């Protein structure tokens, strides 16, 4: 399997001077399209984590709201 020497020092796929990505895209004018900076990848992961956490909080709030409605319905039956 051919190995590609990588010149980007801050790429997340850099492994001992070679590209560790399973597949890459090269554009003659733009260079490596697979390139992703280490800081960018960490920021993206953190953003995804925050979005997941917000989704969970919203789901918990919806469940609490549903419980409140259920309690009110039970009170009215008496």
Protein backbone atom coordinates (compact mmCIF):
# COMPACT_ATOMS: atom_id res chain seq x y z
CA UNK A 1 0.00 0.00 0.00
CA UNK A 2 1.49 3.37 -0.96
CA UNK A 3 2.16 5.90 1.76
CA UNK A 4 1.75 9.61 1.24
CA UNK A 5 4.24 11.97 2.85
CA UNK A 6 2.32 14.80 4.50
CA UNK A 7 3.73 18.32 4.69
CA UNK A 8 0.98 19.65 6.97
CA UNK A 9 2.41 19.61 10.49
CA UNK A 10 -0.93 20.26 12.19
CA UNK A 11 -3.12 17.72 10.39
CA UNK A 12 -5.17 15.28 12.49
CA UNK A 13 -4.21 12.45 10.09
CA UNK A 14 -0.44 13.01 10.40
CA UNK A 15 1.33 9.87 11.61
CA UNK A 16 5.14 10.05 11.75
CA UNK A 17 5.32 12.28 8.68
CA UNK A 18 2.85 10.26 6.61
CA UNK A 19 -0.88 10.57 6.03
CA UNK A 20 -2.90 8.12 8.12
CA UNK A 21 -6.27 8.79 6.48
CA UNK A 22 -8.00 5.83 4.86
CA UNK A 23 -8.59 7.87 1.70
CA UNK A 24 -7.69 11.38 0.59
CA UNK A 25 -8.87 13.91 -1.96
CA UNK A 26 -6.35 16.09 -3.76
CA UNK A 27 -7.19 19.18 -5.75
CA UNK A 28 -4.32 20.52 -7.90
CA UNK A 29 -5.06 24.15 -7.07
CA UNK A 30 -6.27 23.75 -3.47
CA UNK A 31 -4.08 20.91 -2.24
CA UNK A 32 -5.29 18.20 0.12
CA UNK A 33 -9.04 18.41 0.73
CA UNK A 34 -8.82 15.77 3.45
CA UNK A 35 -6.57 18.02 5.55
CA UNK A 36 -8.09 18.96 8.89
CA UNK A 37 -6.25 21.02 11.49
CA UNK A 38 -5.89 19.55 14.96
CA UNK A 39 -7.52 22.59 16.62
CA UNK A 40 -10.43 22.56 14.15
CA UNK A 41 -11.18 18.90 14.82
CA UNK A 42 -11.15 19.42 18.58
CA UNK A 43 -13.44 22.45 18.27
CA UNK A 44 -15.83 20.47 16.07
CA UNK A 45 -15.92 17.57 18.54
CA UNK A 46 -16.59 19.99 21.40
CA UNK A 47 -19.37 21.68 19.40
CA UNK A 48 -20.97 18.30 18.62
CA UNK A 49 -20.75 17.35 22.30
CA UNK A 50 -22.44 20.61 23.32
CA UNK A 51 -25.21 20.05 20.76
CA UNK A 52 -25.79 16.50 22.05
CA UNK A 53 -25.91 17.77 25.62
CA UNK A 54 -28.44 20.47 24.66
CA UNK A 55 -30.59 17.88 22.90
CA UNK A 56 -30.60 15.72 26.04
CA UNK A 57 -31.56 18.69 28.22
CA UNK A 58 -34.42 19.57 25.88
CA UNK A 59 -35.66 15.98 25.96
CA UNK A 60 -35.53 15.97 29.78
CA UNK A 61 -37.50 19.23 29.90
CA UNK A 62 -40.14 17.82 27.55
CA UNK A 63 -40.51 14.74 29.75
CA UNK A 64 -40.91 16.96 32.83
CA UNK A 65 -43.55 19.03 31.03
CA UNK A 66 -45.41 15.85 30.08
CA UNK A 67 -45.32 14.71 33.72
CA UNK A 68 -46.80 18.03 34.84
CA UNK A 69 -49.68 17.69 32.40
CA UNK A 70 -50.31 14.12 33.55
CA UNK A 71 -50.51 15.25 37.21
CA UNK A 72 -52.99 18.01 36.37
CA UNK A 73 -55.20 15.58 34.45
CA UNK A 74 -55.25 13.21 37.42
CA UNK A 75 -56.26 16.03 39.80
CA UNK A 76 -59.23 16.95 37.61
CA UNK A 77 -60.64 13.42 37.69
CA UNK A 78 -61.37 13.61 41.44
